[in-house]
Amino acid sequence: MFRILFGLQPNFQHLKELKSFMATFHNRVSRQVLKERAQNDPTPKNTVSFYCYFSIADPAIMRDEWYRHLNQLGVFGRIYIAEEGINAQINCPVHHFEDLKSFLYGFPALNGLRLNKAVEEKGNAFYVLDIKVRKKIVADGIKDPAFSMENKGRYVDAQSFNEMVKDPGTMVIDMRNHYEYEVGRFKDAIEIPSDTFREQLPMASDMFEKEKERTIIMYCTGGIRCEKASAWMLHKGFKNVFHLEGGIINYINQVRDHGMENNFIGKNFVFDERLGERITADIISHCHVCGNPCDEHVNCNNSSCHLLFIQCEACKNALSGCCSEECLEIIKLPEMEQKEARKGQDKGRNIFNKSKQRMNALSKENKIS
């Protein structure tokens, strides 16, 4: 298999065997049923995330091989494979965790790879195994052929991060989406207010164009976005760029394991069923309906809306989990009428964005003045 992945002579007998497994690569059970099964499964699981930038000759072959092995281990989760590397967020049964490590470390580029265990376990975070081939393991929108991940910022661990942020000259830049920043962040971290990482990269280099000589530390949830962002900033002429090794997840695990000072407040947003890990008791965001302190992300119960927003328990009860009175009226309709209302709708990235509203308001103020 290594010969196939790294562009050497393929083993055609192995390829033939892989084809016989193709019929198992697609779920024949509805996702609702799979979700119920996962929620009722008492098997202890570890929620793990990992990534690695390295060259993959044939991502499709690697996807098939990984599906076959991880499916046998009872792994659920979301894995993206591209020519530039791999990005994964998964659940693995505790009794198969060492088997998972053995499989991963069998690939030379992944040997010794850091596996970020979740800060806070809340049952089954995933209920199906999805392994997809993508153009990029994180969508960046970069078109410049001169850009390279080989020249990236220097890693900082939790101890180094805590020391460096004491210097008032150090800039800490959050490379997560606005809704992640809203519920939890490092103290004095600077937000790049956006819905997507591809929007943030040019925004970051433009926002800090006059700060190219300053020390910059970039961070994200697990490290994958800030690592690429650090390479982008160096590519754009910034001189002293660092990124937090393993992101927030690794930082929190380090400070807890070693009794260090914690500079992160609030919740760490995660992209699975949990939608967040409680780091500190601080509630730094507000219900998007009533404005009371709250940091619970939910999706609107109206499936033709499905807005991701923050909602307190009182508003959730009053609106039956909807984001507005309008959506509440829609879910009261017969199912056929609801289906008719959904036809032709493109929800796209339907996310409540206070940050963008603030930026638009500031832009208007600046134009007026």
Foldseek 3Di string as FASTA:
>chain_A
DLCQFVVHDDDVVVVVVLVVCVVVQDDPDDVVVLVVVQQPDPQDKWWKWFWAFDATPDQVVVLSVVCVVVVVQVKAWEKEQARGIITTIIIGGPVCPVVVLVVQLVRVRRNVTDIQTFPDDDGHQGRHHHYYYDNDNFDALDDDPPQDLVDFAAEDELVRVVVVVVPVQEAEEEQDEQLQVQFKDFPNHDYQHDHGSNVSLVSVCVVCVVPLATAYEYAYAQFPSLRSSRSSNVVSRRDHYYYYHGGPSRNLVVCVVVVHDDRMDGWGADPTPQRTDGRDPDQRHAFPQPGHGWSDWAFAPLVLARETGTHDPVVCVVQVRHPDPVSSVLVVDPPVVSVVVSPPDDNDNRYDGPPVVVVVVVVVVVVVD
